Amino acid sequence: MIAHRRLLEMGHLKKHRNSGIEIIAPIRGCFQWWVEGQTLDLRPGEISVTLPWQEHGGQGESFNVGELCWIILEVDWKASEELSLGSWSQLPVDLIQSLGRKLSQATEPLSFHNEDASKQMLDILHEIQAQKPHHPWKVNRIIDDLFFGLYRSEPICASNNQSKPSLTTDLNNILKGRLRLPWTLEKISLEMAQSPSWLNKGLREETGYSTMELVTLHRIEEAKALLKESNLNITSISQECGFRTSQYFSSVFKKWVGISPLLFKDKLKHQEGSDPDHPLEVSVSSKN
């Protein structure tokens, strides 16, 4: 199964286990990921790999909002370090076995630098959705490329990963509980003791978003939480989240979420227990 989700909330990243190998790749945003008791920060250009039945999911106070792709591959995990991908893969057997040992012998959560992973996953989605001739063969080759990238990459040390300075986390702390304020790039830069241009550049490098796009995403996520959990009307919610008018709030909400706040709330009423901005999920065939 492969999935793509935009505008994630903390609640969407619940801890879970899979019977296959799961590869998680942020496209934009910053995510704090928890794997078997240890945490790591994931940013664009990095991926996390969890082995069959490892518990993992979102954790902590990191931003956890943006775009995220993940793929779950059912594999033959014969023993603690023997990996078999099946006849669909064209990778050499010794390479696959070497990768299996590399994954199984890791003592920390597995994350890697991989600039291509997000594009590869989106390419898989495109192939499956377009249904062009021989698309299963193409999908399998892209998955082979993903595993080949894992084989050639060195894992990121979890302790080094967590110690990285994060402008995203600093911004998150500044905005927490203060979304009603009329934030501008200049005001945020002053609070963070950075120049506006340097701050914008740094946040784009970390997340793919500009400073004010991140502010908007925080506001949208807070609005979604209030639509789900409160009885406030649209005007009150827009004020609580820092939008200057309810009309502007509705326009921005629809741009980012795809539906209006009223329709979002209406869907919540008619779909109890489900998620109105569900991820795009499709199955991946392992047969040519």
C-alpha atoms as a PDB file:
ATOM      1  CA  MET A   1       0.000   0.000   0.000  1.00  0.00           C
ATOM      2  CA  ILE A   2       1.201   3.510  -0.767  1.00  0.00           C
ATOM      3  CA  ALA A   3      -0.368   6.678   0.597  1.00  0.00           C
ATOM      4  CA  HIS A   4       0.035  10.432   0.390  1.00  0.00           C
ATOM      5  CA  ARG A   5      -1.402  12.853   2.904  1.00  0.00           C
ATOM      6  CA  ARG A   6      -1.382  16.617   3.105  1.00  0.00           C
ATOM      7  CA  LEU A   7      -1.947  18.797   6.185  1.00  0.00           C
ATOM      8  CA  LEU A   8      -1.314  16.180   8.817  1.00  0.00           C
ATOM      9  CA  GLU A   9      -2.339  16.634  12.422  1.00  0.00           C
ATOM     10  CA  MET A  10      -0.749  14.968  15.413  1.00  0.00           C
ATOM     11  CA  GLY A  11      -3.780  12.705  15.739  1.00  0.00           C
ATOM     12  CA  HIS A  12      -3.270  11.366  12.241  1.00  0.00           C
ATOM     13  CA  LEU A  13       0.113   9.922  13.174  1.00  0.00           C
ATOM     14  CA  LYS A  14      -1.053   7.435  15.794  1.00  0.00           C
ATOM     15  CA  LYS A  15       1.287   4.657  16.837  1.00  0.00           C
ATOM     16  CA  HIS A  16       0.727   1.453  14.886  1.00  0.00           C
ATOM     17  CA  ARG A  17       2.366  -1.720  13.622  1.00  0.00           C
ATOM     18  CA  ASN A  18       2.493  -3.239  10.125  1.00  0.00           C
ATOM     19  CA  SER A  19       3.280  -6.710   8.853  1.00  0.00           C
ATOM     20  CA  GLY A  20       5.514  -5.222   6.137  1.00  0.00           C
ATOM     21  CA  ILE A  21       8.379  -2.772   5.768  1.00  0.00           C
ATOM     22  CA  GLU A  22       7.169   0.829   5.916  1.00  0.00           C
ATOM     23  CA  ILE A  23       9.111   3.687   4.310  1.00  0.00           C
ATOM     24  CA  ILE A  24       8.058   7.213   5.328  1.00  0.00           C
ATOM     25  CA  ALA A  25       9.212  10.260   3.338  1.00  0.00           C
ATOM     26  CA  PRO A  26       8.260  13.876   4.118  1.00  0.00           C
ATOM     27  CA  ILE A  27       7.630  15.986   1.025  1.00  0.00           C
ATOM     28  CA  ARG A  28       7.209  19.235   2.924  1.00  0.00           C
ATOM     29  CA  GLY A  29       7.023  19.982   6.634  1.00  0.00           C
ATOM     30  CA  CYS A  30       8.786  18.628   9.716  1.00  0.00           C
ATOM     31  CA  PHE A  31       7.692  15.484  11.556  1.00  0.00           C
ATOM     32  CA  GLN A  32       8.727  13.951  14.840  1.00  0.00           C
ATOM     33  CA  TRP A  33       8.640  10.174  14.480  1.00  0.00           C
ATOM     34  CA  TRP A  34       8.619   7.585  17.261  1.00  0.00           C
ATOM     35  CA  VAL A  35       9.985   4.058  16.682  1.00  0.00           C
ATOM     36  CA  GLU A  36      10.050   1.477  19.465  1.00  0.00           C
ATOM     37  CA  GLY A  37      10.697   3.976  22.256  1.00  0.00           C
ATOM     38  CA  GLN A  38      13.084   6.289  20.398  1.00  0.00           C
ATOM     39  CA  THR A  39      12.340   9.483  18.493  1.00  0.00           C
ATOM     40  CA  LEU A  40      13.798  11.191  15.457  1.00  0.00           C
ATOM     41  CA  ASP A  41      12.991  14.317  13.458  1.00  0.00           C
ATOM     42  CA  LEU A  42      12.136  13.790   9.795  1.00  0.00           C
ATOM     43  CA  ARG A  43      12.481  16.553   7.219  1.00  0.00           C
ATOM     44  CA  PRO A  44      12.381  16.648   3.417  1.00  0.00           C
ATOM     45  CA  GLY A  45      15.284  14.688   1.992  1.00  0.00           C
ATOM     46  CA  GLU A  46      15.166  12.137   4.841  1.00  0.00           C
ATOM     47  CA  ILE A  47      13.238   8.881   5.157  1.00  0.00           C
ATOM     48  CA  SER A  48      12.364   6.526   7.996  1.00  0.00           C
ATOM     49  CA  VAL A  49      12.245   2.748   7.616  1.00  0.00           C
ATOM     50  CA  THR A  50      10.394   0.501  10.055  1.00  0.00           C
ATOM     51  CA  LEU A  51      10.635  -3.271  10.010  1.00  0.00           C
ATOM     52  CA  PRO A  52       7.716  -5.709  10.225  1.00  0.00           C
ATOM     53  CA  TRP A  53       5.781  -5.332  13.505  1.00  0.00           C
ATOM     54  CA  GLN A  54       7.868  -2.459  14.870  1.00  0.00           C
ATOM     55  CA  GLU A  55       5.622   0.047  16.645  1.00  0.00           C
ATOM     56  CA  HIS A  56       5.914   3.572  15.229  1.00  0.00           C
ATOM     57  CA  GLY A  57       4.015   6.819  14.746  1.00  0.00           C
ATOM     58  CA  GLY A  58       3.914  10.539  15.528  1.00  0.00           C
ATOM     59  CA  GLN A  59       5.223  11.793  18.835  1.00  0.00           C
ATOM     60  CA  GLY A  60       5.958  14.954  20.780  1.00  0.00           C
ATOM     61  CA  GLU A  61       5.617  18.654  20.087  1.00  0.00           C
ATOM     62  CA  SER A  62       7.269  18.923  16.673  1.00  0.00           C
ATOM     63  CA  PHE A  63       5.368  20.513  13.846  1.00  0.00           C
ATOM     64  CA  ASN A  64       3.912  17.326  12.309  1.00  0.00           C
ATOM     65  CA  VAL A  65       2.078  19.262   9.633  1.00  0.00           C
ATOM     66  CA  GLY A  66       2.877  19.165   5.959  1.00  0.00           C
ATOM     67  CA  GLU A  67       2.922  16.533   3.227  1.00  0.00           C
ATOM     68  CA  LEU A  68       3.989  12.978   3.880  1.00  0.00           C
ATOM     69  CA  CYS A  69       4.251   9.889   1.681  1.00  0.00           C
ATOM     70  CA  TRP A  70       4.577   6.367   2.907  1.00  0.00           C
ATOM     71  CA  ILE A  71       4.686   2.931   1.367  1.00  0.00           C
ATOM     72  CA  ILE A  72       4.082  -0.409   3.094  1.00  0.00           C
ATOM     73  CA  LEU A  73       5.582  -3.434   1.352  1.00  0.00           C
ATOM     74  CA  GLU A  74       4.722  -6.976   2.315  1.00  0.00           C
ATOM     75  CA  VAL A  75       7.995  -8.901   2.217  1.00  0.00           C
ATOM     76  CA  ASP A  76       9.272 -12.352   3.124  1.00  0.00           C
ATOM     77  CA  TRP A  77      11.222 -11.786   6.348  1.00  0.00           C
ATOM     78  CA  LYS A  78      12.465 -15.356   6.735  1.00  0.00           C
ATOM     79  CA  ALA A  79      14.723 -14.822   9.717  1.00  0.00           C
ATOM     80  CA  SER A  80      16.128 -11.984  11.759  1.00  0.00           C
ATOM     81  CA  GLU A  81      18.325 -10.821   8.903  1.00  0.00           C
ATOM     82  CA  GLU A  82      17.095 -12.596   5.747  1.00  0.00           C
ATOM     83  CA  LEU A  83      15.048 -10.435   3.422  1.00  0.00           C
ATOM     84  CA  SER A  84      13.321 -11.663   0.275  1.00  0.00           C
ATOM     85  CA  LEU A  85      11.395  -9.288  -1.998  1.00  0.00           C
ATOM     86  CA  GLY A  86       9.918 -11.955  -4.247  1.00  0.00           C
ATOM     87  CA  SER A  87      10.059 -12.638  -7.980  1.00  0.00           C
ATOM     88  CA  TRP A  88       8.774  -9.165  -8.898  1.00  0.00           C
ATOM     89  CA  SER A  89      12.098  -7.582  -7.879  1.00  0.00           C
ATOM     90  CA  GLN A  90      15.048  -7.477 -10.291  1.00  0.00           C
ATOM     91  CA  LEU A  91      17.595  -6.604  -7.604  1.00  0.00           C
ATOM     92  CA  PRO A  92      20.464  -9.114  -7.111  1.00  0.00           C
ATOM     93  CA  VAL A  93      19.785 -11.632  -4.332  1.00  0.00           C
ATOM     94  CA  ASP A  94      23.042 -10.830  -2.522  1.00  0.00           C
ATOM     95  CA  LEU A  95      22.152  -7.109  -2.503  1.00  0.00           C
ATOM     96  CA  ILE A  96      18.733  -7.851  -0.977  1.00  0.00           C
ATOM     97  CA  GLN A  97      20.257 -10.115   1.666  1.00  0.00           C
ATOM     98  CA  SER A  98      22.888  -7.494   2.500  1.00  0.00           C
ATOM     99  CA  LEU A  99      20.140  -4.902   2.881  1.00  0.00           C
ATOM    100  CA  GLY A 100      18.211  -7.275   5.143  1.00  0.00           C
ATOM    101  CA  ARG A 101      21.234  -7.613   7.451  1.00  0.00           C
ATOM    102  CA  LYS A 102      21.726  -3.840   7.445  1.00  0.00           C
ATOM    103  CA  LEU A 103      18.115  -3.225   8.459  1.00  0.00           C
ATOM    104  CA  SER A 104      17.822  -5.980  11.057  1.00  0.00           C
ATOM    105  CA  GLN A 105      21.108  -5.222  12.837  1.00  0.00           C
ATOM    106  CA  ALA A 106      20.350  -1.553  13.462  1.00  0.00           C
ATOM    107  CA  THR A 107      20.178  -0.623  17.154  1.00  0.00           C
ATOM    108  CA  GLU A 108      18.466   2.761  16.613  1.00  0.00           C
ATOM    109  CA  PRO A 109      15.444   3.938  14.594  1.00  0.00           C
ATOM    110  CA  LEU A 110      16.381   3.735  10.933  1.00  0.00           C
ATOM    111  CA  SER A 111      16.483   6.976   8.973  1.00  0.00           C
ATOM    112  CA  PHE A 112      18.467   7.837   5.871  1.00  0.00           C
ATOM    113  CA  HIS A 113      19.312  10.791   3.661  1.00  0.00           C
ATOM    114  CA  ASN A 114      17.441  10.165   0.409  1.00  0.00           C
ATOM    115  CA  GLU A 115      16.545  13.142  -1.767  1.00  0.00           C
ATOM    116  CA  ASP A 116      14.795  10.924  -4.336  1.00  0.00           C
ATOM    117  CA  ALA A 117      12.399   8.962  -2.099  1.00  0.00           C
ATOM    118  CA  SER A 118       9.527  11.473  -2.049  1.00  0.00           C
ATOM    119  CA  LYS A 119       9.570  11.837  -5.832  1.00  0.00           C
ATOM    120  CA  GLN A 120       9.774   8.073  -6.266  1.00  0.00           C
ATOM    121  CA  MET A 121       6.694   7.540  -4.092  1.00  0.00           C
ATOM    122  CA  LEU A 122       4.725  10.211  -5.931  1.00  0.00           C
ATOM    123  CA  ASP A 123       5.801   8.597  -9.210  1.00  0.00           C
ATOM    124  CA  ILE A 124       4.371   5.284  -7.950  1.00  0.00           C
ATOM    125  CA  LEU A 125       1.062   6.969  -7.143  1.00  0.00           C
ATOM    126  CA  HIS A 126       0.984   8.604 -10.565  1.00  0.00           C
ATOM    127  CA  GLU A 127       1.655   5.306 -12.327  1.00  0.00           C
ATOM    128  CA  ILE A 128      -1.087   3.502 -10.414  1.00  0.00           C
ATOM    129  CA  GLN A 129      -3.627   6.280 -10.938  1.00  0.00           C
ATOM    130  CA  ALA A 130      -2.837   6.797 -14.638  1.00  0.00           C
ATOM    131  CA  GLN A 131      -3.128   3.047 -15.372  1.00  0.00           C
ATOM    132  CA  LYS A 132      -0.875   3.302 -18.418  1.00  0.00           C
ATOM    133  CA  PRO A 133       0.229   0.113 -20.227  1.00  0.00           C
ATOM    134  CA  HIS A 134       2.672  -2.004 -18.179  1.00  0.00           C
ATOM    135  CA  HIS A 135       2.376   0.282 -15.159  1.00  0.00           C
ATOM    136  CA  PRO A 136       2.859  -2.648 -12.682  1.00  0.00           C
ATOM    137  CA  TRP A 137       6.309  -3.268 -14.190  1.00  0.00           C
ATOM    138  CA  LYS A 138       7.160   0.426 -13.864  1.00  0.00           C
ATOM    139  CA  VAL A 139       5.942   0.503 -10.243  1.00  0.00           C
ATOM    140  CA  ASN A 140       8.109  -2.482  -9.364  1.00  0.00           C
ATOM    141  CA  ARG A 141      11.173  -0.824 -10.908  1.00  0.00           C
ATOM    142  CA  ILE A 142      10.618   2.330  -8.868  1.00  0.00           C
ATOM    143  CA  ILE A 143      10.311   0.212  -5.707  1.00  0.00           C
ATOM    144  CA  ASP A 144      13.573  -1.511  -6.659  1.00  0.00           C
ATOM    145  CA  ASP A 145      15.173   1.940  -6.936  1.00  0.00           C
ATOM    146  CA  LEU A 146      13.876   2.776  -3.440  1.00  0.00           C
ATOM    147  CA  PHE A 147      15.501  -0.338  -1.980  1.00  0.00           C
ATOM    148  CA  PHE A 148      18.690   0.215  -3.956  1.00  0.00           C
ATOM    149  CA  GLY A 149      18.879   3.709  -2.440  1.00  0.00           C
ATOM    150  CA  LEU A 150      18.519   2.170   1.031  1.00  0.00           C
ATOM    151  CA  TYR A 151      21.290  -0.308   0.244  1.00  0.00           C
ATOM    152  CA  ARG A 152      23.713   2.486  -0.698  1.00  0.00           C
ATOM    153  CA  SER A 153      22.774   4.909   2.104  1.00  0.00           C
ATOM    154  CA  GLU A 154      24.286   5.122   5.562  1.00  0.00           C
ATOM    155  CA  PRO A 155      21.772   5.419   8.434  1.00  0.00           C
ATOM    156  CA  ILE A 156      21.463   8.740  10.247  1.00  0.00           C
ATOM    157  CA  CYS A 157      22.425   8.400  13.917  1.00  0.00           C
ATOM    158  CA  ALA A 158      19.290   9.031  15.981  1.00  0.00           C
ATOM    159  CA  SER A 159      21.205  10.990  18.626  1.00  0.00           C
ATOM    160  CA  ASN A 160      22.672  13.305  15.967  1.00  0.00           C
ATOM    161  CA  ASN A 161      19.287  13.604  14.318  1.00  0.00           C
ATOM    162  CA  GLN A 162      17.598  14.831  17.485  1.00  0.00           C
ATOM    163  CA  SER A 163      20.378  17.310  18.244  1.00  0.00           C
ATOM    164  CA  LYS A 164      19.941  19.190  14.952  1.00  0.00           C
ATOM    165  CA  PRO A 165      18.883  22.803  15.483  1.00  0.00           C
ATOM    166  CA  SER A 166      15.335  23.293  14.251  1.00  0.00           C
ATOM    167  CA  LEU A 167      13.834  26.628  13.260  1.00  0.00           C
ATOM    168  CA  THR A 168      10.567  24.747  12.784  1.00  0.00           C
ATOM    169  CA  THR A 169      10.450  23.728  16.440  1.00  0.00           C
ATOM    170  CA  ASP A 170      11.314  27.278  17.528  1.00  0.00           C
ATOM    171  CA  LEU A 171       8.500  28.652  15.362  1.00  0.00           C
ATOM    172  CA  ASN A 172       6.105  26.061  16.744  1.00  0.00           C
ATOM    173  CA  ASN A 173       6.916  27.143  20.299  1.00  0.00           C
ATOM    174  CA  ILE A 174       6.414  30.822  19.482  1.00  0.00           C
ATOM    175  CA  LEU A 175       3.014  30.266  17.853  1.00  0.00           C
ATOM    176  CA  LYS A 176       1.674  27.836  20.449  1.00  0.00           C
ATOM    177  CA  GLY A 177      -1.337  29.403  22.112  1.00  0.00           C
ATOM    178  CA  ARG A 178      -0.779  32.716  20.314  1.00  0.00           C
ATOM    179  CA  LEU A 179      -2.366  32.198  16.910  1.00  0.00           C
ATOM    180  CA  ARG A 180      -4.827  35.055  17.509  1.00  0.00           C
ATOM    181  CA  LEU A 181      -2.006  37.587  17.215  1.00  0.00           C
ATOM    182  CA  PRO A 182      -1.517  39.397  13.861  1.00  0.00           C
ATOM    183  CA  TRP A 183       1.750  37.701  12.991  1.00  0.00           C
ATOM    184  CA  THR A 184       3.949  39.050  10.217  1.00  0.00           C
ATOM    185  CA  LEU A 185       7.326  37.859   8.984  1.00  0.00           C
ATOM    186  CA  GLU A 186       8.980  40.841  10.671  1.00  0.00           C
ATOM    187  CA  LYS A 187       7.337  40.162  14.060  1.00  0.00           C
ATOM    188  CA  ILE A 188       8.253  36.473  13.960  1.00  0.00           C
ATOM    189  CA  SER A 189      11.825  37.276  12.909  1.00  0.00           C
ATOM    190  CA  LEU A 190      12.135  39.647  15.861  1.00  0.00           C
ATOM    191  CA  GLU A 191      10.842  36.998  18.282  1.00  0.00           C
ATOM    192  CA  MET A 192      13.268  34.422  16.868  1.00  0.00           C
ATOM    193  CA  ALA A 193      16.190  36.864  16.720  1.00  0.00           C
ATOM    194  CA  GLN A 194      16.743  36.184  13.026  1.00  0.00           C
ATOM    195  CA  SER A 195      16.721  38.376   9.932  1.00  0.00           C
ATOM    196  CA  PRO A 196      13.521  37.913   7.870  1.00  0.00           C
ATOM    197  CA  SER A 197      15.399  36.726   4.782  1.00  0.00           C
ATOM    198  CA  TRP A 198      17.590  34.272   6.724  1.00  0.00           C
ATOM    199  CA  LEU A 199      14.570  32.902   8.617  1.00  0.00           C
ATOM    200  CA  ASN A 200      12.592  32.406   5.423  1.00  0.00           C
ATOM    201  CA  LYS A 201      15.529  30.689   3.752  1.00  0.00           C
ATOM    202  CA  GLY A 202      16.176  28.437   6.742  1.00  0.00           C
ATOM    203  CA  LEU A 203      12.550  27.358   7.104  1.00  0.00           C
ATOM    204  CA  ARG A 204      12.274  26.646   3.371  1.00  0.00           C
ATOM    205  CA  GLU A 205      15.363  24.462   3.575  1.00  0.00           C
ATOM    206  CA  GLU A 206      13.956  22.589   6.589  1.00  0.00           C
ATOM    207  CA  THR A 207      10.353  22.198   5.472  1.00  0.00           C
ATOM    208  CA  GLY A 208       9.757  23.431   1.934  1.00  0.00           C
ATOM    209  CA  TYR A 209       7.404  26.108   3.304  1.00  0.00           C
ATOM    210  CA  SER A 210       7.908  29.835   3.810  1.00  0.00           C
ATOM    211  CA  THR A 211       7.510  31.350   7.289  1.00  0.00           C
ATOM    212  CA  MET A 212       4.022  32.690   6.651  1.00  0.00           C
ATOM    213  CA  GLU A 213       2.901  29.474   4.936  1.00  0.00           C
ATOM    214  CA  LEU A 214       3.823  27.659   8.152  1.00  0.00           C
ATOM    215  CA  VAL A 215       1.829  30.194  10.182  1.00  0.00           C
ATOM    216  CA  THR A 216      -1.150  29.576   7.905  1.00  0.00           C
ATOM    217  CA  LEU A 217      -0.801  25.810   8.311  1.00  0.00           C
ATOM    218  CA  HIS A 218      -0.777  26.161  12.093  1.00  0.00           C
ATOM    219  CA  ARG A 219      -3.950  28.250  11.875  1.00  0.00           C
ATOM    220  CA  ILE A 220      -5.661  25.785   9.560  1.00  0.00           C
ATOM    221  CA  GLU A 221      -4.838  22.858  11.834  1.00  0.00           C
ATOM    222  CA  GLU A 222      -6.123  24.736  14.885  1.00  0.00           C
ATOM    223  CA  ALA A 223      -9.293  25.586  12.969  1.00  0.00           C
ATOM    224  CA  LYS A 224      -9.817  21.936  12.057  1.00  0.00           C
ATOM    225  CA  ALA A 225      -9.410  20.961  15.714  1.00  0.00           C
ATOM    226  CA  LEU A 226     -11.978  23.567  16.780  1.00  0.00           C
ATOM    227  CA  LEU A 227     -14.401  22.463  14.055  1.00  0.00           C
ATOM    228  CA  LYS A 228     -14.110  18.917  15.378  1.00  0.00           C
ATOM    229  CA  GLU A 229     -14.129  19.548  19.108  1.00  0.00           C
ATOM    230  CA  SER A 230     -16.021  22.790  19.807  1.00  0.00           C
ATOM    231  CA  ASN A 231     -19.408  24.330  19.174  1.00  0.00           C
ATOM    232  CA  LEU A 232     -17.954  27.681  18.103  1.00  0.00           C
ATOM    233  CA  ASN A 233     -19.361  29.270  14.972  1.00  0.00           C
ATOM    234  CA  ILE A 234     -17.235  30.057  11.921  1.00  0.00           C
ATOM    235  CA  THR A 235     -16.721  33.700  12.906  1.00  0.00           C
ATOM    236  CA  SER A 236     -15.468  32.778  16.387  1.00  0.00           C
ATOM    237  CA  ILE A 237     -13.172  30.087  15.009  1.00  0.00           C
ATOM    238  CA  SER A 238     -11.690  32.480  12.476  1.00  0.00           C
ATOM    239  CA  GLN A 239     -10.952  34.974  15.274  1.00  0.00           C
ATOM    240  CA  GLU A 240      -9.445  32.303  17.540  1.00  0.00           C
ATOM    241  CA  CYS A 241      -7.113  31.224  14.738  1.00  0.00           C
ATOM    242  CA  GLY A 242      -5.977  34.697  13.738  1.00  0.00           C
ATOM    243  CA  PHE A 243      -7.822  35.205  10.445  1.00  0.00           C
ATOM    244  CA  ARG A 244      -8.908  38.796   9.910  1.00  0.00           C
ATOM    245  CA  THR A 245     -12.411  37.938   8.623  1.00  0.00           C
ATOM    246  CA  SER A 246     -14.565  34.832   8.432  1.00  0.00           C
ATOM    247  CA  GLN A 247     -14.702  35.217   4.637  1.00  0.00           C
ATOM    248  CA  TYR A 248     -10.916  35.221   4.395  1.00  0.00           C
ATOM    249  CA  PHE A 249     -10.753  32.243   6.753  1.00  0.00           C
ATOM    250  CA  SER A 250     -13.178  30.262   4.574  1.00  0.00           C
ATOM    251  CA  SER A 251     -11.206  31.101   1.442  1.00  0.00           C
ATOM    252  CA  VAL A 252      -7.859  30.051   2.926  1.00  0.00           C
ATOM    253  CA  PHE A 253      -9.327  26.918   4.526  1.00  0.00           C
ATOM    254  CA  LYS A 254     -10.794  25.758   1.214  1.00  0.00           C
ATOM    255  CA  LYS A 255      -7.506  26.438  -0.574  1.00  0.00           C
ATOM    256  CA  TRP A 256      -5.517  24.237   1.809  1.00  0.00           C
ATOM    257  CA  VAL A 257      -8.052  21.579   2.831  1.00  0.00           C
ATOM    258  CA  GLY A 258     -10.042  21.355  -0.408  1.00  0.00           C
ATOM    259  CA  ILE A 259     -13.469  21.991   1.136  1.00  0.00           C
ATOM    260  CA  SER A 260     -15.067  24.866   3.053  1.00  0.00           C
ATOM    261  CA  PRO A 261     -15.111  24.927   6.886  1.00  0.00           C
ATOM    262  CA  LEU A 262     -18.885  24.387   6.882  1.00  0.00           C
ATOM    263  CA  LEU A 263     -18.629  21.367   4.609  1.00  0.00           C
ATOM    264  CA  PHE A 264     -15.751  20.021   6.711  1.00  0.00           C
ATOM    265  CA  LYS A 265     -17.918  20.296   9.837  1.00  0.00           C
ATOM    266  CA  ASP A 266     -20.915  18.804   8.046  1.00  0.00           C
ATOM    267  CA  LYS A 267     -18.851  15.800   6.952  1.00  0.00           C
ATOM    268  CA  LEU A 268     -17.746  15.290  10.547  1.00  0.00           C
ATOM    269  CA  LYS A 269     -21.391  15.034  11.615  1.00  0.00           C
ATOM    270  CA  HIS A 270     -22.209  12.439   8.969  1.00  0.00           C
ATOM    271  CA  GLN A 271     -19.011  10.427   9.237  1.00  0.00           C
ATOM    272  CA  GLU A 272     -18.480   9.834  12.946  1.00  0.00           C
ATOM    273  CA  GLY A 273     -15.208   8.089  13.621  1.00  0.00           C
ATOM    274  CA  SER A 274     -13.829   8.786  10.138  1.00  0.00           C
ATOM    275  CA  ASP A 275     -11.527  11.444   8.807  1.00  0.00           C
ATOM    276  CA  PRO A 276     -12.982  13.982   6.342  1.00  0.00           C
ATOM    277  CA  ASP A 277      -9.563  14.754   4.848  1.00  0.00           C
ATOM    278  CA  HIS A 278      -8.506  11.129   4.527  1.00  0.00           C
ATOM    279  CA  PRO A 279      -5.226  10.125   2.881  1.00  0.00           C
ATOM    280  CA  LEU A 280      -4.976   8.999  -0.679  1.00  0.00           C
ATOM    281  CA  GLU A 281      -4.210   5.289  -0.432  1.00  0.00           C
ATOM    282  CA  VAL A 282      -3.757   2.725  -3.189  1.00  0.00           C
ATOM    283  CA  SER A 283      -2.539  -0.843  -3.283  1.00  0.00           C
ATOM    284  CA  VAL A 284       0.804  -1.714  -4.816  1.00  0.00           C
ATOM    285  CA  SER A 285       0.997  -4.863  -6.877  1.00  0.00           C
ATOM    286  CA  SER A 286       4.095  -7.026  -6.533  1.00  0.00           C
ATOM    287  CA  LYS A 287       3.307  -9.024  -9.665  1.00  0.00           C
ATOM    288  CA  ASN A 288       4.283  -8.187 -13.212  1.00  0.00           C
END
